[in-house]
Amino acid sequence: MSGQLTVAHQGRVMVLTMDDAATKNALGPEMMAAARDALVQAAEDPEVGAIVLTGANGTFCSGGNLGRLLGNAKADPEVTRASLERFHGWTRAMRACPKPVIAAVEGAAAGAGFSVALGCDLIVAAEDAVFTLAYVRVGLNPDGGASAFLARAATPQLAAEIMFEGGRIGAARLAQLAIVNRVVAPGTTLAEALAWAERLADGPTLAIGRAKRLIESGFGAPDEQLDREAAFFVEALHGAEAAEGITAFFEKRPPSYPRT
């Protein structure tokens, strides 16, 4: 385990488990770096044919740690930029890895957790799983490539609804929209994802890797959008809206955003 990320192997499948019960698997610097390193290793390891990403304790990922973000907001913006580069390094590693990456989502995939799930090639979700890009509710904008991946998968109207509202979306609706691949009974996502990963890992690895590259080139690599997300996130986190939104969250009151 490194930074609350457990790396295990089941046959030719690498299993990455986010495991921090205290924060419901919130993302932190060590977890981001460990996930990136594991994916880079998997890309080069001929004994790994597929990767499954999941969360322990009945939750996929609660997103970024707002307490850490509040601290970053009071520091030099370069601190925020460095944190985003760690996160986006993970995103880039998922997209660059020639092996399929499958998200197994139980419970919530919130904020950056939703971004991580969207960055995977395939998503298996529990019937009661909930997804939300709640950044806007604290005066922030998405990171982790969420805007790029939504632009690929959804209409502009749906992407706008998800990013403007920051509301909760069930797995069934996302499956109808072809954003989630499979919806299964609660508690069975990991088993389903592992079975799928094992089948893919036993297939023609090089052909699957080329197919993944073709998908990337067909939709356009998200690198420029990641850079744009990072710039907007820094601007947002160090601005008045995020200051009010995050403070209101911790004070358990509705935010009163400044009007300029």
Protein backbone atom coordinates (compact mmCIF):
# COMPACT_ATOMS: atom_id res chain seq x y z
CA MET A 1 0.00 0.00 0.00
CA SER A 2 1.23 3.48 -0.86
CA GLY A 3 -0.71 6.62 -0.01
CA GLN A 4 -3.90 4.61 0.62
CA LEU A 5 -3.61 2.86 -2.76
CA THR A 6 -3.34 -0.92 -2.70
CA VAL A 7 -1.79 -2.66 -5.71
CA ALA A 8 -2.56 -6.34 -6.18
CA HIS A 9 -2.47 -8.87 -9.00
CA GLN A 10 -5.00 -11.50 -9.98
CA GLY A 11 -3.55 -13.46 -12.85
CA ARG A 12 -2.84 -10.94 -15.63
CA VAL A 13 -5.03 -8.26 -14.04
CA MET A 14 -3.59 -5.48 -11.88
CA VAL A 15 -6.10 -4.33 -9.25
CA LEU A 16 -5.73 -0.80 -7.87
CA THR A 17 -7.82 -0.12 -4.76
CA MET A 18 -8.28 3.34 -3.27
CA ASP A 19 -8.49 2.69 0.45
CA ASP A 20 -8.86 5.52 2.95
CA ALA A 21 -11.96 4.91 5.07
CA ALA A 22 -11.56 8.16 7.02
CA THR A 23 -12.05 10.30 3.90
CA LYS A 24 -14.17 7.87 1.82
CA ASN A 25 -11.17 7.38 -0.46
CA ALA A 26 -10.58 11.07 -1.13
CA LEU A 27 -7.68 11.79 -3.43
CA GLY A 28 -4.39 12.95 -1.96
CA PRO A 29 -0.89 13.60 -3.33
CA GLU A 30 0.49 10.19 -2.38
CA MET A 31 -2.47 8.31 -3.84
CA MET A 32 -2.24 10.26 -7.10
CA ALA A 33 1.48 9.61 -7.45
CA ALA A 34 1.10 5.93 -6.55
CA ALA A 35 -1.69 5.45 -9.10
CA ARG A 36 0.34 7.10 -11.83
CA ASP A 37 3.41 4.99 -11.04
CA ALA A 38 1.35 1.78 -11.00
CA LEU A 39 -0.16 2.55 -14.40
CA VAL A 40 3.23 3.39 -15.91
CA GLN A 41 4.52 0.06 -14.56
CA ALA A 42 1.48 -1.80 -15.92
CA ALA A 43 2.01 -0.29 -19.36
CA GLU A 44 5.50 -1.81 -19.53
CA ASP A 45 4.80 -5.12 -17.80
CA PRO A 46 4.05 -7.98 -20.23
CA GLU A 47 2.51 -9.94 -17.36
CA VAL A 48 -0.25 -7.31 -16.99
CA GLY A 49 -3.00 -7.41 -19.60
CA ALA A 50 -5.65 -5.21 -17.95
CA ILE A 51 -6.21 -2.98 -14.92
CA VAL A 52 -9.19 -2.66 -12.57
CA LEU A 53 -9.57 0.49 -10.47
CA THR A 54 -11.91 0.34 -7.49
CA GLY A 55 -12.51 1.75 -4.02
CA ALA A 56 -12.65 0.01 -0.65
CA ASN A 57 -15.23 0.46 2.11
CA GLY A 58 -18.24 0.50 -0.22
CA THR A 59 -17.23 3.77 -1.90
CA PHE A 60 -15.39 4.43 -5.13
CA CYS A 61 -14.00 7.89 -4.38
CA SER A 62 -15.33 11.01 -2.64
CA GLY A 63 -13.18 13.30 -4.77
CA GLY A 64 -10.68 15.90 -3.67
CA ASN A 65 -10.04 16.66 -0.02
CA LEU A 66 -11.74 20.04 0.56
CA GLY A 67 -9.72 20.65 3.68
CA ARG A 68 -6.51 20.33 1.66
CA LEU A 69 -7.97 22.55 -1.07
CA LEU A 70 -8.85 25.21 1.49
CA GLY A 71 -5.23 25.17 2.64
CA ASN A 72 -3.99 25.35 -0.95
CA ALA A 73 -6.25 28.35 -1.59
CA LYS A 74 -4.32 30.26 1.08
CA ALA A 75 -0.94 29.29 -0.38
CA ASP A 76 0.85 30.35 -3.53
CA PRO A 77 -1.05 29.32 -6.69
CA GLU A 78 1.99 27.26 -7.68
CA VAL A 79 1.05 24.84 -4.89
CA THR A 80 -2.31 24.30 -6.58
CA ARG A 81 -0.66 23.90 -9.98
CA ALA A 82 1.70 21.25 -8.61
CA SER A 83 -1.21 19.34 -7.07
CA LEU A 84 -3.10 19.46 -10.37
CA GLU A 85 -0.06 18.20 -12.24
CA ARG A 86 0.07 15.17 -9.94
CA PHE A 87 -3.61 14.46 -10.56
CA HIS A 88 -3.35 15.04 -14.29
CA GLY A 89 -0.26 12.84 -14.39
CA TRP A 90 -2.55 10.03 -13.21
CA THR A 91 -5.11 10.92 -15.89
CA ARG A 92 -2.47 10.99 -18.62
CA ALA A 93 -1.08 7.64 -17.45
CA MET A 94 -4.54 6.04 -17.69
CA ARG A 95 -5.01 7.31 -21.23
CA ALA A 96 -1.45 6.47 -22.33
CA CYS A 97 -1.52 2.95 -20.88
CA PRO A 98 -2.08 0.49 -23.77
CA LYS A 99 -3.92 -1.91 -21.46
CA PRO A 100 -7.68 -1.50 -20.80
CA VAL A 101 -8.55 0.20 -17.50
CA ILE A 102 -11.92 -0.71 -15.97
CA ALA A 103 -13.54 1.27 -13.14
CA ALA A 104 -15.58 -0.77 -10.63
CA VAL A 105 -17.83 1.78 -8.93
CA GLU A 106 -19.69 1.13 -5.68
CA GLY A 107 -21.30 3.91 -3.66
CA ALA A 108 -20.25 7.39 -4.74
CA ALA A 109 -17.95 8.66 -7.48
CA ALA A 110 -17.96 12.34 -6.53
CA GLY A 111 -16.07 15.30 -7.96
CA ALA A 112 -12.59 14.16 -8.88
CA GLY A 113 -13.78 10.59 -8.25
CA PHE A 114 -16.20 10.96 -11.17
CA SER A 115 -13.33 12.42 -13.22
CA VAL A 116 -11.22 9.34 -12.46
CA ALA A 117 -14.04 6.98 -13.46
CA LEU A 118 -14.56 8.89 -16.72
CA GLY A 119 -10.84 8.58 -17.44
CA CYS A 120 -11.09 4.79 -17.46
CA ASP A 121 -11.83 2.91 -20.67
CA LEU A 122 -14.84 1.06 -19.24
CA ILE A 123 -17.12 1.56 -16.24
CA VAL A 124 -18.96 -1.12 -14.24
CA ALA A 125 -21.29 0.44 -11.65
CA ALA A 126 -23.58 -0.83 -8.92
CA GLU A 127 -27.30 -0.22 -9.33
CA ASP A 128 -27.25 2.20 -6.41
CA ALA A 129 -24.01 3.97 -7.37
CA VAL A 130 -24.19 7.76 -7.56
CA PHE A 131 -22.04 10.04 -9.71
CA THR A 132 -21.66 13.79 -9.30
CA LEU A 133 -19.40 16.56 -10.57
CA ALA A 134 -20.08 18.78 -7.59
CA TYR A 135 -17.24 21.24 -8.20
CA VAL A 136 -19.63 24.07 -9.09
CA ARG A 137 -21.33 23.76 -5.71
CA VAL A 138 -18.21 25.11 -4.06
CA GLY A 139 -17.33 27.60 -6.79
CA LEU A 140 -14.85 25.38 -8.64
CA ASN A 141 -14.50 23.86 -12.11
CA PRO A 142 -13.79 20.21 -13.01
CA ASP A 143 -10.30 18.78 -13.25
CA GLY A 144 -8.91 15.34 -14.03
CA GLY A 145 -10.13 15.52 -17.62
CA ALA A 146 -13.84 15.37 -16.75
CA SER A 147 -14.78 18.11 -19.21
CA ALA A 148 -12.87 16.42 -22.02
CA PHE A 149 -14.33 12.99 -21.33
CA LEU A 150 -17.88 14.35 -21.02
CA ALA A 151 -17.46 16.24 -24.28
CA ARG A 152 -16.61 12.91 -25.91
CA ALA A 153 -19.40 10.90 -24.33
CA ALA A 154 -22.30 13.34 -24.02
CA THR A 155 -24.15 16.03 -25.91
CA PRO A 156 -23.22 19.63 -25.06
CA GLN A 157 -26.58 19.96 -23.30
CA LEU A 158 -25.95 16.96 -21.06
CA ALA A 159 -22.40 18.07 -20.29
CA ALA A 160 -23.78 21.50 -19.39
CA GLU A 161 -26.40 20.00 -17.07
CA ILE A 162 -23.83 17.84 -15.29
CA MET A 163 -21.26 20.63 -14.88
CA PHE A 164 -23.65 23.55 -14.24
CA GLU A 165 -25.81 21.74 -11.66
CA GLY A 166 -23.31 19.47 -9.93
CA GLY A 167 -26.20 17.17 -9.02
CA ARG A 168 -26.37 13.45 -8.35
CA ILE A 169 -26.81 11.11 -11.32
CA GLY A 170 -27.67 7.44 -10.92
CA ALA A 171 -25.86 4.60 -12.65
CA ALA A 172 -28.99 3.62 -14.59
CA ARG A 173 -29.26 7.03 -16.26
CA LEU A 174 -25.57 7.04 -17.15
CA ALA A 175 -25.94 3.56 -18.61
CA GLN A 176 -28.84 4.78 -20.77
CA LEU A 177 -26.52 7.55 -21.97
CA ALA A 178 -23.75 4.99 -22.70
CA ILE A 179 -21.37 6.59 -20.19
CA VAL A 180 -21.55 3.58 -17.85
CA ASN A 181 -21.06 0.23 -19.64
CA ARG A 182 -22.63 -2.21 -17.20
CA VAL A 183 -24.90 -1.89 -14.17
CA VAL A 184 -24.83 -4.77 -11.69
CA ALA A 185 -26.11 -5.65 -8.24
CA PRO A 186 -24.51 -3.77 -5.33
CA GLY A 187 -21.46 -5.53 -3.99
CA THR A 188 -20.68 -7.32 -7.28
CA THR A 189 -18.92 -4.62 -9.31
CA LEU A 190 -15.40 -5.81 -8.51
CA ALA A 191 -16.19 -9.41 -9.45
CA GLU A 192 -17.83 -8.28 -12.71
CA ALA A 193 -14.96 -5.94 -13.56
CA LEU A 194 -12.38 -8.62 -12.77
CA ALA A 195 -14.12 -11.17 -14.96
CA TRP A 196 -14.26 -8.66 -17.82
CA ALA A 197 -10.62 -7.65 -17.29
CA GLU A 198 -9.50 -11.28 -17.28
CA ARG A 199 -11.21 -11.87 -20.63
CA LEU A 200 -9.59 -8.78 -22.12
CA ALA A 201 -6.20 -9.66 -20.63
CA ASP A 202 -6.35 -13.06 -22.36
CA GLY A 203 -7.00 -11.34 -25.70
CA PRO A 204 -4.55 -9.84 -28.22
CA THR A 205 -2.81 -7.23 -26.07
CA LEU A 206 -1.15 -5.33 -28.91
CA ALA A 207 -4.36 -5.11 -30.95
CA ILE A 208 -6.28 -3.83 -27.93
CA GLY A 209 -3.55 -1.27 -27.30
CA ARG A 210 -3.75 -0.07 -30.90
CA ALA A 211 -7.54 0.12 -30.63
CA LYS A 212 -7.18 2.31 -27.53
CA ARG A 213 -4.81 4.63 -29.41
CA LEU A 214 -7.26 4.83 -32.31
CA ILE A 215 -10.04 5.84 -29.91
CA GLU A 216 -7.77 8.53 -28.44
CA SER A 217 -6.80 9.91 -31.84
CA GLY A 218 -10.38 9.71 -33.13
CA PHE A 219 -11.71 11.84 -30.29
CA GLY A 220 -8.59 13.92 -29.81
CA ALA A 221 -6.17 13.48 -26.93
CA PRO A 222 -7.26 15.41 -23.80
CA ASP A 223 -3.86 17.03 -23.13
CA GLU A 224 -4.86 20.58 -24.12
CA GLN A 225 -8.09 20.29 -22.16
CA LEU A 226 -6.19 19.07 -19.09
CA ASP A 227 -3.99 22.17 -19.29
CA ARG A 228 -7.08 24.37 -19.68
CA GLU A 229 -8.79 22.66 -16.72
CA ALA A 230 -5.69 23.22 -14.60
CA ALA A 231 -5.59 26.94 -15.46
CA PHE A 232 -9.29 27.39 -14.71
CA PHE A 233 -9.08 25.39 -11.47
CA VAL A 234 -6.22 27.55 -10.18
CA GLU A 235 -8.18 30.68 -11.11
CA ALA A 236 -11.28 29.33 -9.37
CA LEU A 237 -9.62 28.03 -6.20
CA HIS A 238 -7.84 31.34 -5.61
CA GLY A 239 -10.95 33.42 -6.34
CA ALA A 240 -13.79 34.77 -4.24
CA GLU A 241 -16.42 32.23 -5.32
CA ALA A 242 -14.45 29.20 -4.17
CA ALA A 243 -13.53 30.97 -0.94
CA GLU A 244 -17.22 31.43 -0.19
CA GLY A 245 -18.30 28.02 -1.51
CA ILE A 246 -15.76 25.98 0.44
CA THR A 247 -16.25 28.05 3.61
CA ALA A 248 -20.02 27.60 3.37
CA PHE A 249 -19.56 23.86 2.93
CA PHE A 250 -17.60 23.58 6.18
CA GLU A 251 -20.00 25.94 7.97
CA LYS A 252 -22.93 23.81 6.73
CA ARG A 253 -24.83 26.74 5.23
CA PRO A 254 -25.92 27.75 1.73
CA PRO A 255 -23.23 29.77 -0.06
CA SER A 256 -23.79 33.44 -0.84
CA TYR A 257 -21.62 34.04 -3.89
CA PRO A 258 -20.29 37.55 -4.55
CA ARG A 259 -21.77 39.43 -7.51
CA THR A 260 -19.36 41.57 -9.50
